[in-house]
Amino acid sequence: MSLGKMVLEALSDDIVFGVLQLFIAILLIIAVLNDLLKRLSSGPVVRRGRKSWNYLNLAYGFALLIAVELTSLTDAFQGHKTIIVLFDIATITYLAFFNSWSRNKIVGFFAASETKEERH
């Protein structure tokens, strides 16, 4: 088998979509573990401002749109797409609204992009 065919096979919908779902599951596990560790320790309590919630809403909508659209476009996992979409919706909802670790990452991403300097 040629290198080109191997690359194309490795980039098939079955492989790429499976890796994406695995990534989402691993991200969920990391977020849950971080949440459990934070509950064991005492630290500062933060209330999110309107701007932070706008970022979270934007990230949530964007991530949900991408996840549902990718699932609907792929031919991978035919017959199991409903459960995959439900898993993705539940995971993205939890990460965006109920997990402090992932919320901090999302808000930090937007804050970093706002303070990034550009050269002309």
PDB file of N, CA and C in Angstrom:
ATOM      1  N   MET A   1       0.844  -1.168   0.000  1.00  0.00           N
ATOM      2  CA  MET A   1       0.000   0.000   0.000  1.00  0.00           C
ATOM      3  C   MET A   1       0.898   1.242   0.000  1.00  0.00           C
ATOM      4  N   SER A   2       0.545   2.205  -0.832  1.00  0.00           N
ATOM      5  CA  SER A   2       1.361   3.409  -0.943  1.00  0.00           C
ATOM      6  C   SER A   2       1.120   4.333   0.251  1.00  0.00           C
ATOM      7  N   LEU A   3       2.058   5.241   0.433  1.00  0.00           N
ATOM      8  CA  LEU A   3       1.966   6.191   1.535  1.00  0.00           C
ATOM      9  C   LEU A   3       0.721   7.058   1.407  1.00  0.00           C
ATOM     10  N   GLY A   4       0.409   7.480   0.197  1.00  0.00           N
ATOM     11  CA  GLY A   4      -0.767   8.313  -0.036  1.00  0.00           C
ATOM     12  C   GLY A   4      -2.047   7.612   0.382  1.00  0.00           C
ATOM     13  N   LYS A   5      -2.156   6.329   0.030  1.00  0.00           N
ATOM     14  CA  LYS A   5      -3.351   5.566   0.411  1.00  0.00           C
ATOM     15  C   LYS A   5      -3.417   5.378   1.922  1.00  0.00           C
ATOM     16  N   MET A   6      -2.274   5.188   2.556  1.00  0.00           N
ATOM     17  CA  MET A   6      -2.263   5.029   4.012  1.00  0.00           C
ATOM     18  C   MET A   6      -2.710   6.315   4.697  1.00  0.00           C
ATOM     19  N   VAL A   7      -2.256   7.450   4.178  1.00  0.00           N
ATOM     20  CA  VAL A   7      -2.649   8.741   4.756  1.00  0.00           C
ATOM     21  C   VAL A   7      -4.143   8.957   4.572  1.00  0.00           C
ATOM     22  N   LEU A   8      -4.645   8.670   3.370  1.00  0.00           N
ATOM     23  CA  LEU A   8      -6.079   8.830   3.123  1.00  0.00           C
ATOM     24  C   LEU A   8      -6.907   7.915   4.011  1.00  0.00           C
ATOM     25  N   GLU A   9      -6.441   6.700   4.213  1.00  0.00           N
ATOM     26  CA  GLU A   9      -7.144   5.764   5.084  1.00  0.00           C
ATOM     27  C   GLU A   9      -7.131   6.263   6.533  1.00  0.00           C
ATOM     28  N   ALA A  10      -5.996   6.818   6.963  1.00  0.00           N
ATOM     29  CA  ALA A  10      -5.892   7.338   8.336  1.00  0.00           C
ATOM     30  C   ALA A  10      -6.771   8.570   8.537  1.00  0.00           C
ATOM     31  N   LEU A  11      -7.090   9.276   7.451  1.00  0.00           N
ATOM     32  CA  LEU A  11      -7.921  10.476   7.538  1.00  0.00           C
ATOM     33  C   LEU A  11      -9.377  10.200   7.160  1.00  0.00           C
ATOM     34  N   SER A  12      -9.762   8.948   7.156  1.00  0.00           N
ATOM     35  CA  SER A  12     -11.148   8.612   6.813  1.00  0.00           C
ATOM     36  C   SER A  12     -12.086   9.103   7.907  1.00  0.00           C
ATOM     37  N   ASP A  13     -13.365   9.240   7.564  1.00  0.00           N
ATOM     38  CA  ASP A  13     -14.365   9.692   8.536  1.00  0.00           C
ATOM     39  C   ASP A  13     -14.399   8.798   9.765  1.00  0.00           C
ATOM     40  N   ASP A  14     -14.300   7.491   9.556  1.00  0.00           N
ATOM     41  CA  ASP A  14     -14.341   6.571  10.691  1.00  0.00           C
ATOM     42  C   ASP A  14     -13.244   6.876  11.700  1.00  0.00           C
ATOM     43  N   ILE A  15     -12.033   7.104  11.210  1.00  0.00           N
ATOM     44  CA  ILE A  15     -10.885   7.359  12.094  1.00  0.00           C
ATOM     45  C   ILE A  15     -10.975   8.748  12.717  1.00  0.00           C
ATOM     46  N   VAL A  16     -11.141   9.777  11.890  1.00  0.00           N
ATOM     47  CA  VAL A  16     -11.130  11.156  12.386  1.00  0.00           C
ATOM     48  C   VAL A  16     -12.297  11.402  13.338  1.00  0.00           C
ATOM     49  N   PHE A  17     -13.493  10.932  12.988  1.00  0.00           N
ATOM     50  CA  PHE A  17     -14.642  11.133  13.862  1.00  0.00           C
ATOM     51  C   PHE A  17     -14.483  10.348  15.164  1.00  0.00           C
ATOM     52  N   GLY A  18     -13.935   9.147  15.070  1.00  0.00           N
ATOM     53  CA  GLY A  18     -13.673   8.357  16.275  1.00  0.00           C
ATOM     54  C   GLY A  18     -12.675   9.042  17.190  1.00  0.00           C
ATOM     55  N   VAL A  19     -11.630   9.614  16.621  1.00  0.00           N
ATOM     56  CA  VAL A  19     -10.627  10.337  17.413  1.00  0.00           C
ATOM     57  C   VAL A  19     -11.259  11.578  18.050  1.00  0.00           C
ATOM     58  N   LEU A  20     -12.116  12.280  17.307  1.00  0.00           N
ATOM     59  CA  LEU A  20     -12.800  13.448  17.860  1.00  0.00           C
ATOM     60  C   LEU A  20     -13.671  13.055  19.043  1.00  0.00           C
ATOM     61  N   GLN A  21     -14.419  11.973  18.935  1.00  0.00           N
ATOM     62  CA  GLN A  21     -15.264  11.521  20.034  1.00  0.00           C
ATOM     63  C   GLN A  21     -14.425  11.081  21.237  1.00  0.00           C
ATOM     64  N   LEU A  22     -13.301  10.447  20.958  1.00  0.00           N
ATOM     65  CA  LEU A  22     -12.387  10.060  22.030  1.00  0.00           C
ATOM     66  C   LEU A  22     -11.830  11.299  22.731  1.00  0.00           C
ATOM     67  N   PHE A  23     -11.483  12.325  21.961  1.00  0.00           N
ATOM     68  CA  PHE A  23     -10.993  13.584  22.520  1.00  0.00           C
ATOM     69  C   PHE A  23     -12.049  14.218  23.431  1.00  0.00           C
ATOM     70  N   ILE A  24     -13.296  14.233  22.992  1.00  0.00           N
ATOM     71  CA  ILE A  24     -14.371  14.810  23.794  1.00  0.00           C
ATOM     72  C   ILE A  24     -14.536  14.023  25.097  1.00  0.00           C
ATOM     73  N   ALA A  25     -14.463  12.703  25.018  1.00  0.00           N
ATOM     74  CA  ALA A  25     -14.602  11.865  26.220  1.00  0.00           C
ATOM     75  C   ALA A  25     -13.438  12.104  27.186  1.00  0.00           C
ATOM     76  N   ILE A  26     -12.226  12.206  26.658  1.00  0.00           N
ATOM     77  CA  ILE A  26     -11.053  12.466  27.507  1.00  0.00           C
ATOM     78  C   ILE A  26     -11.151  13.854  28.142  1.00  0.00           C
ATOM     79  N   LEU A  27     -11.605  14.828  27.383  1.00  0.00           N
ATOM     80  CA  LEU A  27     -11.790  16.178  27.910  1.00  0.00           C
ATOM     81  C   LEU A  27     -12.811  16.174  29.046  1.00  0.00           C
ATOM     82  N   LEU A  28     -13.872  15.406  28.889  1.00  0.00           N
ATOM     83  CA  LEU A  28     -14.877  15.283  29.945  1.00  0.00           C
ATOM     84  C   LEU A  28     -14.273  14.659  31.200  1.00  0.00           C
ATOM     85  N   ILE A  29     -13.487  13.611  31.037  1.00  0.00           N
ATOM     86  CA  ILE A  29     -12.848  12.945  32.180  1.00  0.00           C
ATOM     87  C   ILE A  29     -11.905  13.910  32.905  1.00  0.00           C
ATOM     88  N   ILE A  30     -11.100  14.638  32.151  1.00  0.00           N
ATOM     89  CA  ILE A  30     -10.172  15.608  32.749  1.00  0.00           C
ATOM     90  C   ILE A  30     -10.947  16.679  33.519  1.00  0.00           C
ATOM     91  N   ALA A  31     -12.033  17.181  32.925  1.00  0.00           N
ATOM     92  CA  ALA A  31     -12.830  18.221  33.574  1.00  0.00           C
ATOM     93  C   ALA A  31     -13.472  17.710  34.858  1.00  0.00           C
ATOM     94  N   VAL A  32     -14.011  16.506  34.823  1.00  0.00           N
ATOM     95  CA  VAL A  32     -14.635  15.934  36.023  1.00  0.00           C
ATOM     96  C   VAL A  32     -13.593  15.733  37.116  1.00  0.00           C
ATOM     97  N   LEU A  33     -12.424  15.209  36.767  1.00  0.00           N
ATOM     98  CA  LEU A  33     -11.366  15.015  37.757  1.00  0.00           C
ATOM     99  C   LEU A  33     -10.913  16.335  38.358  1.00  0.00           C
ATOM    100  N   ASN A  34     -10.752  17.363  37.516  1.00  0.00           N
ATOM    101  CA  ASN A  34     -10.380  18.682  38.029  1.00  0.00           C
ATOM    102  C   ASN A  34     -11.453  19.235  38.946  1.00  0.00           C
ATOM    103  N   ASP A  35     -12.704  19.025  38.599  1.00  0.00           N
ATOM    104  CA  ASP A  35     -13.809  19.480  39.432  1.00  0.00           C
ATOM    105  C   ASP A  35     -13.788  18.782  40.793  1.00  0.00           C
ATOM    106  N   LEU A  36     -13.550  17.484  40.788  1.00  0.00           N
ATOM    107  CA  LEU A  36     -13.488  16.735  42.049  1.00  0.00           C
ATOM    108  C   LEU A  36     -12.328  17.206  42.917  1.00  0.00           C
ATOM    109  N   LEU A  37     -11.172  17.463  42.305  1.00  0.00           N
ATOM    110  CA  LEU A  37     -10.019  17.949  43.062  1.00  0.00           C
ATOM    111  C   LEU A  37     -10.277  19.327  43.653  1.00  0.00           C
ATOM    112  N   LYS A  38     -10.954  20.195  42.909  1.00  0.00           N
ATOM    113  CA  LYS A  38     -11.254  21.535  43.418  1.00  0.00           C
ATOM    114  C   LYS A  38     -12.233  21.481  44.577  1.00  0.00           C
ATOM    115  N   ARG A  39     -13.138  20.520  44.560  1.00  0.00           N
ATOM    116  CA  ARG A  39     -14.096  20.400  45.662  1.00  0.00           C
ATOM    117  C   ARG A  39     -13.411  19.945  46.946  1.00  0.00           C
ATOM    118  N   LEU A  40     -12.299  19.240  46.809  1.00  0.00           N
ATOM    119  CA  LEU A  40     -11.564  18.777  47.989  1.00  0.00           C
ATOM    120  C   LEU A  40     -10.727  19.882  48.615  1.00  0.00           C
ATOM    121  N   SER A  41     -10.375  20.886  47.823  1.00  0.00           N
ATOM    122  CA  SER A  41      -9.547  21.973  48.340  1.00  0.00           C
ATOM    123  C   SER A  41     -10.395  23.230  48.496  1.00  0.00           C
ATOM    124  N   SER A  42      -9.947  24.078  49.398  1.00  0.00           N
ATOM    125  CA  SER A  42     -10.663  25.342  49.570  1.00  0.00           C
ATOM    126  C   SER A  42      -9.900  26.418  48.817  1.00  0.00           C
ATOM    127  N   GLY A  43     -10.607  27.183  48.055  1.00  0.00           N
ATOM    128  CA  GLY A  43      -9.987  28.245  47.276  1.00  0.00           C
ATOM    129  C   GLY A  43     -10.949  29.401  47.133  1.00  0.00           C
ATOM    130  N   PRO A  44     -10.537  30.414  46.419  1.00  0.00           N
ATOM    131  CA  PRO A  44     -11.405  31.583  46.256  1.00  0.00           C
ATOM    132  C   PRO A  44     -12.652  31.247  45.431  1.00  0.00           C
ATOM    133  N   VAL A  45     -13.720  31.929  45.734  1.00  0.00           N
ATOM    134  CA  VAL A  45     -14.971  31.790  44.996  1.00  0.00           C
ATOM    135  C   VAL A  45     -15.097  32.993  44.080  1.00  0.00           C
ATOM    136  N   VAL A  46     -15.451  32.740  42.833  1.00  0.00           N
ATOM    137  CA  VAL A  46     -15.533  33.800  41.834  1.00  0.00           C
ATOM    138  C   VAL A  46     -16.931  33.815  41.230  1.00  0.00           C
ATOM    139  N   ARG A  47     -17.456  35.023  41.063  1.00  0.00           N
ATOM    140  CA  ARG A  47     -18.720  35.181  40.338  1.00  0.00           C
ATOM    141  C   ARG A  47     -18.385  35.749  38.965  1.00  0.00           C
ATOM    142  N   ARG A  48     -18.862  35.072  37.948  1.00  0.00           N
ATOM    143  CA  ARG A  48     -18.592  35.508  36.580  1.00  0.00           C
ATOM    144  C   ARG A  48     -19.399  36.760  36.247  1.00  0.00           C
ATOM    145  N   GLY A  49     -18.747  37.661  35.534  1.00  0.00           N
ATOM    146  CA  GLY A  49     -19.421  38.873  35.072  1.00  0.00           C
ATOM    147  C   GLY A  49     -20.157  38.623  33.767  1.00  0.00           C
ATOM    148  N   ARG A  50     -20.878  39.613  33.315  1.00  0.00           N
ATOM    149  CA  ARG A  50     -21.668  39.529  32.084  1.00  0.00           C
ATOM    150  C   ARG A  50     -20.784  39.201  30.879  1.00  0.00           C
ATOM    151  N   LYS A  51     -19.616  39.812  30.805  1.00  0.00           N
ATOM    152  CA  LYS A  51     -18.721  39.580  29.671  1.00  0.00           C
ATOM    153  C   LYS A  51     -18.268  38.118  29.624  1.00  0.00           C
ATOM    154  N   SER A  52     -17.927  37.554  30.772  1.00  0.00           N
ATOM    155  CA  SER A  52     -17.503  36.154  30.826  1.00  0.00           C
ATOM    156  C   SER A  52     -18.637  35.231  30.398  1.00  0.00           C
ATOM    157  N   TRP A  53     -19.860  35.508  30.845  1.00  0.00           N
ATOM    158  CA  TRP A  53     -21.006  34.672  30.460  1.00  0.00           C
ATOM    159  C   TRP A  53     -21.287  34.793  28.968  1.00  0.00           C
ATOM    160  N   ASN A  54     -21.057  35.973  28.406  1.00  0.00           N
ATOM    161  CA  ASN A  54     -21.212  36.117  26.953  1.00  0.00           C
ATOM    162  C   ASN A  54     -20.202  35.237  26.219  1.00  0.00           C
ATOM    163  N   TYR A  55     -18.970  35.194  26.714  1.00  0.00           N
ATOM    164  CA  TYR A  55     -17.963  34.323  26.121  1.00  0.00           C
ATOM    165  C   TYR A  55     -18.390  32.854  26.208  1.00  0.00           C
ATOM    166  N   LEU A  56     -18.885  32.466  27.384  1.00  0.00           N
ATOM    167  CA  LEU A  56     -19.302  31.077  27.572  1.00  0.00           C
ATOM    168  C   LEU A  56     -20.466  30.717  26.657  1.00  0.00           C
ATOM    169  N   ASN A  57     -21.427  31.629  26.512  1.00  0.00           N
ATOM    170  CA  ASN A  57     -22.555  31.384  25.613  1.00  0.00           C
ATOM    171  C   ASN A  57     -22.092  31.262  24.164  1.00  0.00           C
ATOM    172  N   LEU A  58     -21.167  32.123  23.774  1.00  0.00           N
ATOM    173  CA  LEU A  58     -20.631  32.070  22.415  1.00  0.00           C
ATOM    174  C   LEU A  58     -19.887  30.758  22.174  1.00  0.00           C
ATOM    175  N   ALA A  59     -19.024  30.389  23.086  1.00  0.00           N
ATOM    176  CA  ALA A  59     -18.267  29.145  22.946  1.00  0.00           C
ATOM    177  C   ALA A  59     -19.200  27.934  22.936  1.00  0.00           C
ATOM    178  N   TYR A  60     -20.214  27.957  23.788  1.00  0.00           N
ATOM    179  CA  TYR A  60     -21.188  26.863  23.855  1.00  0.00           C
ATOM    180  C   TYR A  60     -21.906  26.697  22.514  1.00  0.00           C
ATOM    181  N   GLY A  61     -22.436  27.781  21.996  1.00  0.00           N
ATOM    182  CA  GLY A  61     -23.161  27.716  20.727  1.00  0.00           C
ATOM    183  C   GLY A  61     -22.279  27.248  19.583  1.00  0.00           C
ATOM    184  N   PHE A  62     -21.071  27.770  19.538  1.00  0.00           N
ATOM    185  CA  PHE A  62     -20.133  27.407  18.484  1.00  0.00           C
ATOM    186  C   PHE A  62     -19.747  25.929  18.578  1.00  0.00           C
ATOM    187  N   ALA A  63     -19.403  25.466  19.773  1.00  0.00           N
ATOM    188  CA  ALA A  63     -19.005  24.065  19.964  1.00  0.00           C
ATOM    189  C   ALA A  63     -20.162  23.115  19.669  1.00  0.00           C
ATOM    190  N   LEU A  64     -21.357  23.487  20.107  1.00  0.00           N
ATOM    191  CA  LEU A  64     -22.531  22.648  19.867  1.00  0.00           C
ATOM    192  C   LEU A  64     -22.842  22.559  18.379  1.00  0.00           C
ATOM    193  N   LEU A  65     -22.778  23.682  17.697  1.00  0.00           N
ATOM    194  CA  LEU A  65     -23.022  23.702  16.257  1.00  0.00           C
ATOM    195  C   LEU A  65     -22.034  22.806  15.523  1.00  0.00           C
ATOM    196  N   ILE A  66     -20.767  22.922  15.865  1.00  0.00           N
ATOM    197  CA  ILE A  66     -19.743  22.112  15.204  1.00  0.00           C
ATOM    198  C   ILE A  66     -19.953  20.630  15.493  1.00  0.00           C
ATOM    199  N   ALA A  67     -20.202  20.284  16.741  1.00  0.00           N
ATOM    200  CA  ALA A  67     -20.365  18.874  17.111  1.00  0.00           C
ATOM    201  C   ALA A  67     -21.552  18.242  16.407  1.00  0.00           C
ATOM    202  N   VAL A  68     -22.690  18.918  16.415  1.00  0.00           N
ATOM    203  CA  VAL A  68     -23.892  18.361  15.782  1.00  0.00           C
ATOM    204  C   VAL A  68     -23.721  18.297  14.270  1.00  0.00           C
ATOM    205  N   GLU A  69     -23.134  19.322  13.698  1.00  0.00           N
ATOM    206  CA  GLU A  69     -22.932  19.342  12.246  1.00  0.00           C
ATOM    207  C   GLU A  69     -21.960  18.254  11.793  1.00  0.00           C
ATOM    208  N   LEU A  70     -20.864  18.081  12.503  1.00  0.00           N
ATOM    209  CA  LEU A  70     -19.914  17.024  12.140  1.00  0.00           C
ATOM    210  C   LEU A  70     -20.554  15.644  12.246  1.00  0.00           C
ATOM    211  N   THR A  71     -21.354  15.442  13.267  1.00  0.00           N
ATOM    212  CA  THR A  71     -22.020  14.154  13.438  1.00  0.00           C
ATOM    213  C   THR A  71     -23.003  13.907  12.300  1.00  0.00           C
ATOM    214  N   SER A  72     -23.718  14.934  11.892  1.00  0.00           N
ATOM    215  CA  SER A  72     -24.694  14.756  10.818  1.00  0.00           C
ATOM    216  C   SER A  72     -24.026  14.566   9.460  1.00  0.00           C
ATOM    217  N   LEU A  73     -22.843  15.128   9.279  1.00  0.00           N
ATOM    218  CA  LEU A  73     -22.156  15.029   7.990  1.00  0.00           C
ATOM    219  C   LEU A  73     -21.431  13.703   7.772  1.00  0.00           C
ATOM    220  N   THR A  74     -20.990  13.077   8.827  1.00  0.00           N
ATOM    221  CA  THR A  74     -20.160  11.884   8.680  1.00  0.00           C
ATOM    222  C   THR A  74     -20.998  10.636   8.400  1.00  0.00           C
ATOM    223  N   ASP A  75     -20.382   9.712   7.706  1.00  0.00           N
ATOM    224  CA  ASP A  75     -21.009   8.407   7.477  1.00  0.00           C
ATOM    225  C   ASP A  75     -20.576   7.408   8.543  1.00  0.00           C
ATOM    226  N   ALA A  76     -19.670   7.836   9.402  1.00  0.00           N
ATOM    227  CA  ALA A  76     -19.175   6.950  10.458  1.00  0.00           C
ATOM    228  C   ALA A  76     -20.256   6.715  11.505  1.00  0.00           C
ATOM    229  N   PHE A  77     -20.227   5.562  12.105  1.00  0.00           N
ATOM    230  CA  PHE A  77     -21.111   5.200  13.219  1.00  0.00           C
ATOM    231  C   PHE A  77     -22.600   5.303  12.862  1.00  0.00           C
ATOM    232  N   GLN A  78     -22.944   4.914  11.638  1.00  0.00           N
ATOM    233  CA  GLN A  78     -24.351   4.903  11.226  1.00  0.00           C
ATOM    234  C   GLN A  78     -25.163   4.066  12.216  1.00  0.00           C
ATOM    235  N   GLY A  79     -26.328   4.534  12.556  1.00  0.00           N
ATOM    236  CA  GLY A  79     -27.181   3.823  13.492  1.00  0.00           C
ATOM    237  C   GLY A  79     -26.928   4.187  14.947  1.00  0.00           C
ATOM    238  N   HIS A  80     -25.877   4.986  15.185  1.00  0.00           N
ATOM    239  CA  HIS A  80     -25.545   5.383  16.565  1.00  0.00           C
ATOM    240  C   HIS A  80     -25.395   6.895  16.702  1.00  0.00           C
ATOM    241  N   LYS A  81     -25.817   7.626  15.708  1.00  0.00           N
ATOM    242  CA  LYS A  81     -25.601   9.068  15.714  1.00  0.00           C
ATOM    243  C   LYS A  81     -26.411   9.788  16.791  1.00  0.00           C
ATOM    244  N   THR A  82     -27.610   9.295  17.087  1.00  0.00           N
ATOM    245  CA  THR A  82     -28.436   9.962  18.099  1.00  0.00           C
ATOM    246  C   THR A  82     -27.753   9.938  19.456  1.00  0.00           C
ATOM    247  N   ILE A  83     -27.236   8.801  19.852  1.00  0.00           N
ATOM    248  CA  ILE A  83     -26.566   8.708  21.155  1.00  0.00           C
ATOM    249  C   ILE A  83     -25.283   9.532  21.162  1.00  0.00           C
ATOM    250  N   ILE A  84     -24.604   9.608  20.037  1.00  0.00           N
ATOM    251  CA  ILE A  84     -23.389  10.428  19.950  1.00  0.00           C
ATOM    252  C   ILE A  84     -23.746  11.903  20.103  1.00  0.00           C
ATOM    253  N   VAL A  85     -24.797  12.357  19.421  1.00  0.00           N
ATOM    254  CA  VAL A  85     -25.217  13.755  19.536  1.00  0.00           C
ATOM    255  C   VAL A  85     -25.647  14.066  20.969  1.00  0.00           C
ATOM    256  N   LEU A  86     -26.395  13.167  21.591  1.00  0.00           N
ATOM    257  CA  LEU A  86     -26.820  13.384  22.973  1.00  0.00           C
ATOM    258  C   LEU A  86     -25.621  13.448  23.919  1.00  0.00           C
ATOM    259  N   PHE A  87     -24.640  12.564  23.721  1.00  0.00           N
ATOM    260  CA  PHE A  87     -23.423  12.596  24.530  1.00  0.00           C
ATOM    261  C   PHE A  87     -22.680  13.925  24.341  1.00  0.00           C
ATOM    262  N   ASP A  88     -22.555  14.357  23.090  1.00  0.00           N
ATOM    263  CA  ASP A  88     -21.855  15.611  22.806  1.00  0.00           C
ATOM    264  C   ASP A  88     -22.584  16.807  23.423  1.00  0.00           C
ATOM    265  N   ILE A  89     -23.909  16.839  23.297  1.00  0.00           N
ATOM    266  CA  ILE A  89     -24.682  17.946  23.872  1.00  0.00           C
ATOM    267  C   ILE A  89     -24.512  17.980  25.393  1.00  0.00           C
ATOM    268  N   ALA A  90     -24.645  16.828  26.029  1.00  0.00           N
ATOM    269  CA  ALA A  90     -24.500  16.767  27.488  1.00  0.00           C
ATOM    270  C   ALA A  90     -23.097  17.173  27.917  1.00  0.00           C
ATOM    271  N   THR A  91     -22.090  16.690  27.207  1.00  0.00           N
ATOM    272  CA  THR A  91     -20.705  17.011  27.552  1.00  0.00           C
ATOM    273  C   THR A  91     -20.414  18.487  27.366  1.00  0.00           C
ATOM    274  N   ILE A  92     -20.808  19.048  26.235  1.00  0.00           N
ATOM    275  CA  ILE A  92     -20.536  20.459  25.959  1.00  0.00           C
ATOM    276  C   ILE A  92     -21.298  21.353  26.936  1.00  0.00           C
ATOM    277  N   THR A  93     -22.526  20.984  27.268  1.00  0.00           N
ATOM    278  CA  THR A  93     -23.304  21.745  28.250  1.00  0.00           C
ATOM    279  C   THR A  93     -22.606  21.727  29.609  1.00  0.00           C
ATOM    280  N   TYR A  94     -22.174  20.558  30.036  1.00  0.00           N
ATOM    281  CA  TYR A  94     -21.466  20.442  31.315  1.00  0.00           C
ATOM    282  C   TYR A  94     -20.183  21.276  31.300  1.00  0.00           C
ATOM    283  N   LEU A  95     -19.404  21.171  30.228  1.00  0.00           N
ATOM    284  CA  LEU A  95     -18.133  21.891  30.157  1.00  0.00           C
ATOM    285  C   LEU A  95     -18.324  23.404  30.131  1.00  0.00           C
ATOM    286  N   ALA A  96     -19.352  23.870  29.450  1.00  0.00           N
ATOM    287  CA  ALA A  96     -19.545  25.310  29.309  1.00  0.00           C
ATOM    288  C   ALA A  96     -20.211  25.949  30.521  1.00  0.00           C
ATOM    289  N   PHE A  97     -21.085  25.204  31.223  1.00  0.00           N
ATOM    290  CA  PHE A  97     -21.889  25.849  32.255  1.00  0.00           C
ATOM    291  C   PHE A  97     -21.735  25.281  33.663  1.00  0.00           C
ATOM    292  N   PHE A  98     -21.200  24.077  33.799  1.00  0.00           N
ATOM    293  CA  PHE A  98     -21.196  23.451  35.118  1.00  0.00           C
ATOM    294  C   PHE A  98     -19.820  23.044  35.625  1.00  0.00           C
ATOM    295  N   ASN A  99     -18.777  23.253  34.857  1.00  0.00           N
ATOM    296  CA  ASN A  99     -17.443  22.846  35.265  1.00  0.00           C
ATOM    297  C   ASN A  99     -16.531  24.059  35.309  1.00  0.00           C
ATOM    298  N   SER A 100     -16.035  24.393  36.494  1.00  0.00           N
ATOM    299  CA  SER A 100     -15.235  25.612  36.644  1.00  0.00           C
ATOM    300  C   SER A 100     -13.913  25.543  35.889  1.00  0.00           C
ATOM    301  N   TRP A 101     -13.280  24.366  35.849  1.00  0.00           N
ATOM    302  CA  TRP A 101     -12.001  24.233  35.147  1.00  0.00           C
ATOM    303  C   TRP A 101     -12.162  24.584  33.671  1.00  0.00           C
ATOM    304  N   SER A 102     -13.162  24.009  33.008  1.00  0.00           N
ATOM    305  CA  SER A 102     -13.339  24.271  31.581  1.00  0.00           C
ATOM    306  C   SER A 102     -13.837  25.694  31.337  1.00  0.00           C
ATOM    307  N   ARG A 103     -14.677  26.220  32.231  1.00  0.00           N
ATOM    308  CA  ARG A 103     -15.110  27.618  32.082  1.00  0.00           C
ATOM    309  C   ARG A 103     -13.913  28.555  32.159  1.00  0.00           C
ATOM    310  N   ASN A 104     -12.987  28.279  33.090  1.00  0.00           N
ATOM    311  CA  ASN A 104     -11.779  29.101  33.183  1.00  0.00           C
ATOM    312  C   ASN A 104     -10.957  29.015  31.905  1.00  0.00           C
ATOM    313  N   LYS A 105     -10.870  27.845  31.309  1.00  0.00           N
ATOM    314  CA  LYS A 105     -10.117  27.679  30.055  1.00  0.00           C
ATOM    315  C   LYS A 105     -10.773  28.469  28.923  1.00  0.00           C
ATOM    316  N   ILE A 106     -12.104  28.413  28.850  1.00  0.00           N
ATOM    317  CA  ILE A 106     -12.821  29.127  27.784  1.00  0.00           C
ATOM    318  C   ILE A 106     -12.648  30.634  27.941  1.00  0.00           C
ATOM    319  N   VAL A 107     -12.896  31.143  29.140  1.00  0.00           N
ATOM    320  CA  VAL A 107     -12.765  32.584  29.381  1.00  0.00           C
ATOM    321  C   VAL A 107     -11.308  33.010  29.191  1.00  0.00           C
ATOM    322  N   GLY A 108     -10.359  32.185  29.639  1.00  0.00           N
ATOM    323  CA  GLY A 108      -8.939  32.493  29.457  1.00  0.00           C
ATOM    324  C   GLY A 108      -8.552  32.582  27.998  1.00  0.00           C
ATOM    325  N   PHE A 109      -9.137  31.727  27.166  1.00  0.00           N
ATOM    326  CA  PHE A 109      -8.864  31.769  25.729  1.00  0.00           C
ATOM    327  C   PHE A 109      -9.298  33.110  25.140  1.00  0.00           C
ATOM    328  N   PHE A 110     -10.515  33.545  25.477  1.00  0.00           N
ATOM    329  CA  PHE A 110     -11.002  34.820  24.961  1.00  0.00           C
ATOM    330  C   PHE A 110     -10.198  35.989  25.514  1.00  0.00           C
ATOM    331  N   ALA A 111      -9.855  35.941  26.801  1.00  0.00           N
ATOM    332  CA  ALA A 111      -9.068  37.019  27.407  1.00  0.00           C
ATOM    333  C   ALA A 111      -7.688  37.112  26.760  1.00  0.00           C
ATOM    334  N   ALA A 112      -7.076  35.980  26.496  1.00  0.00           N
ATOM    335  CA  ALA A 112      -5.754  35.977  25.857  1.00  0.00           C
ATOM    336  C   ALA A 112      -5.827  36.531  24.438  1.00  0.00           C
ATOM    337  N   SER A 113      -6.903  36.226  23.729  1.00  0.00           N
ATOM    338  CA  SER A 113      -7.018  36.730  22.356  1.00  0.00           C
ATOM    339  C   SER A 113      -7.278  38.235  22.342  1.00  0.00           C
ATOM    340  N   GLU A 114      -7.935  38.753  23.388  1.00  0.00           N
ATOM    341  CA  GLU A 114      -8.177  40.198  23.464  1.00  0.00           C
ATOM    342  C   GLU A 114      -6.912  40.983  23.767  1.00  0.00           C
ATOM    343  N   THR A 115      -5.997  40.394  24.507  1.00  0.00           N
ATOM    344  CA  THR A 115      -4.790  41.115  24.908  1.00  0.00           C
ATOM    345  C   THR A 115      -3.617  40.854  23.969  1.00  0.00           C
ATOM    346  N   LYS A 116      -3.811  40.024  22.973  1.00  0.00           N
ATOM    347  CA  LYS A 116      -2.727  39.703  22.037  1.00  0.00           C
ATOM    348  C   LYS A 116      -2.419  40.920  21.183  1.00  0.00           C
ATOM    349  N   GLU A 117      -1.149  41.242  21.097  1.00  0.00           N
ATOM    350  CA  GLU A 117      -0.718  42.379  20.290  1.00  0.00           C
ATOM    351  C   GLU A 117      -0.467  41.930  18.861  1.00  0.00           C
ATOM    352  N   GLU A 118      -0.822  42.782  17.932  1.00  0.00           N
ATOM    353  CA  GLU A 118      -0.610  42.490  16.524  1.00  0.00           C
ATOM    354  C   GLU A 118       0.310  43.517  15.906  1.00  0.00           C
ATOM    355  N   ARG A 119       1.115  43.057  14.998  1.00  0.00           N
ATOM    356  CA  ARG A 119       2.031  43.956  14.282  1.00  0.00           C
ATOM    357  C   ARG A 119       1.473  44.212  12.892  1.00  0.00           C
ATOM    358  N   HIS A 120       1.639  45.440  12.449  1.00  0.00           N
ATOM    359  CA  HIS A 120       1.145  45.803  11.129  1.00  0.00           C
ATOM    360  C   HIS A 120       2.269  45.986  10.164  1.00  0.00           C
TER     361      HIS A 120
END
